[in-house]
Amino acid sequence: MNAPDLTTVHWVTSSYSSGEGQCIAVATLPNTIATRDSKVLNGPVLLFGRDGWRDFIGAVNRREFRD
């Protein structure tokens, strides 16, 4: 997947973000979902295709990621 231009996308911070610094921001592009730490504006971005995003959210909802 080629990296899309993210300079003009609209980032939305999750309504589930806590006040303790655990925040995620998401931007929706035509064929890609971009995610980043909402506090690190120039930090790394994870890119998901639509199917990958659906799989990722499913895994989160099933609590497959634990400390």
C-alpha atoms as a PDB file:
ATOM      1  CA  MET A   1       0.000   0.000   0.000  1.00  0.00           C
ATOM      2  CA  ASN A   2       1.440   3.386  -0.977  1.00  0.00           C
ATOM      3  CA  ALA A   3       1.440   5.939   1.816  1.00  0.00           C
ATOM      4  CA  PRO A   4      -1.328   8.487   1.248  1.00  0.00           C
ATOM      5  CA  ASP A   5      -0.867  12.230   1.704  1.00  0.00           C
ATOM      6  CA  LEU A   6      -2.026  12.896   5.267  1.00  0.00           C
ATOM      7  CA  THR A   7      -1.301  16.623   5.376  1.00  0.00           C
ATOM      8  CA  THR A   8      -4.906  17.679   4.777  1.00  0.00           C
ATOM      9  CA  VAL A   9      -6.943  14.840   6.309  1.00  0.00           C
ATOM     10  CA  HIS A  10      -9.373  15.463   9.156  1.00  0.00           C
ATOM     11  CA  TRP A  11      -8.296  13.579  12.292  1.00  0.00           C
ATOM     12  CA  VAL A  12     -10.964  12.596  14.826  1.00  0.00           C
ATOM     13  CA  THR A  13     -10.089  11.688  18.406  1.00  0.00           C
ATOM     14  CA  SER A  14     -11.886   8.655  19.759  1.00  0.00           C
ATOM     15  CA  SER A  15     -14.770   9.315  22.149  1.00  0.00           C
ATOM     16  CA  TYR A  16     -13.352   6.431  24.226  1.00  0.00           C
ATOM     17  CA  SER A  17     -10.048   8.219  24.826  1.00  0.00           C
ATOM     18  CA  SER A  18      -9.261   8.615  28.489  1.00  0.00           C
ATOM     19  CA  GLY A  19      -7.989  11.677  30.263  1.00  0.00           C
ATOM     20  CA  GLU A  20      -4.870   9.709  31.199  1.00  0.00           C
ATOM     21  CA  GLY A  21      -3.174  10.144  27.842  1.00  0.00           C
ATOM     22  CA  GLN A  22      -4.470   7.003  26.151  1.00  0.00           C
ATOM     23  CA  CYS A  23      -5.777   8.689  23.022  1.00  0.00           C
ATOM     24  CA  ILE A  24      -6.093   7.575  19.443  1.00  0.00           C
ATOM     25  CA  ALA A  25      -6.986   9.698  16.440  1.00  0.00           C
ATOM     26  CA  VAL A  26      -8.421   8.261  13.236  1.00  0.00           C
ATOM     27  CA  ALA A  27      -8.648   9.663   9.712  1.00  0.00           C
ATOM     28  CA  THR A  28     -10.783   8.051   7.017  1.00  0.00           C
ATOM     29  CA  LEU A  29      -9.529   8.137   3.438  1.00  0.00           C
ATOM     30  CA  PRO A  30     -11.156   6.512   0.380  1.00  0.00           C
ATOM     31  CA  ASN A  31      -9.389   3.132   0.741  1.00  0.00           C
ATOM     32  CA  THR A  32      -7.427   3.574   3.950  1.00  0.00           C
ATOM     33  CA  ILE A  33      -7.958   4.159   7.650  1.00  0.00           C
ATOM     34  CA  ALA A  34      -5.100   6.050   9.311  1.00  0.00           C
ATOM     35  CA  THR A  35      -4.511   5.979  13.078  1.00  0.00           C
ATOM     36  CA  ARG A  36      -2.083   7.811  15.320  1.00  0.00           C
ATOM     37  CA  ASP A  37      -1.468   8.845  18.900  1.00  0.00           C
ATOM     38  CA  SER A  38      -3.485  12.044  19.254  1.00  0.00           C
ATOM     39  CA  LYS A  39      -0.757  13.656  21.378  1.00  0.00           C
ATOM     40  CA  VAL A  40       2.039  13.035  18.849  1.00  0.00           C
ATOM     41  CA  LEU A  41       0.904  14.904  15.756  1.00  0.00           C
ATOM     42  CA  ASN A  42       4.077  14.220  13.779  1.00  0.00           C
ATOM     43  CA  GLY A  43       4.590  10.716  15.141  1.00  0.00           C
ATOM     44  CA  PRO A  44       4.096   7.388  13.416  1.00  0.00           C
ATOM     45  CA  VAL A  45       0.848   6.543  11.663  1.00  0.00           C
ATOM     46  CA  LEU A  46      -0.619   3.079  11.249  1.00  0.00           C
ATOM     47  CA  LEU A  47      -2.422   2.525   7.941  1.00  0.00           C
ATOM     48  CA  PHE A  48      -5.126  -0.085   7.500  1.00  0.00           C
ATOM     49  CA  GLY A  49      -7.025  -1.199   4.436  1.00  0.00           C
ATOM     50  CA  ARG A  50     -10.798  -1.479   4.991  1.00  0.00           C
ATOM     51  CA  ASP A  51     -10.666  -5.241   5.642  1.00  0.00           C
ATOM     52  CA  GLY A  52      -7.641  -4.891   7.918  1.00  0.00           C
ATOM     53  CA  TRP A  53      -9.394  -2.166   9.920  1.00  0.00           C
ATOM     54  CA  ARG A  54     -12.497  -4.326  10.325  1.00  0.00           C
ATOM     55  CA  ASP A  55     -10.296  -7.225  11.508  1.00  0.00           C
ATOM     56  CA  PHE A  56      -8.375  -4.958  13.907  1.00  0.00           C
ATOM     57  CA  ILE A  57     -11.553  -3.542  15.472  1.00  0.00           C
ATOM     58  CA  GLY A  58     -12.949  -7.065  15.798  1.00  0.00           C
ATOM     59  CA  ALA A  59      -9.803  -8.165  17.657  1.00  0.00           C
ATOM     60  CA  VAL A  60     -10.026  -5.119  19.952  1.00  0.00           C
ATOM     61  CA  ASN A  61     -13.676  -5.879  20.716  1.00  0.00           C
ATOM     62  CA  ARG A  62     -12.752  -9.489  21.497  1.00  0.00           C
ATOM     63  CA  ARG A  63     -10.040  -8.153  23.853  1.00  0.00           C
ATOM     64  CA  GLU A  64      -7.281 -10.016  22.024  1.00  0.00           C
ATOM     65  CA  PHE A  65      -4.766  -7.290  22.932  1.00  0.00           C
ATOM     66  CA  ARG A  66      -3.827  -7.269  26.592  1.00  0.00           C
ATOM     67  CA  ASP A  67      -1.049  -5.761  28.708  1.00  0.00           C
END
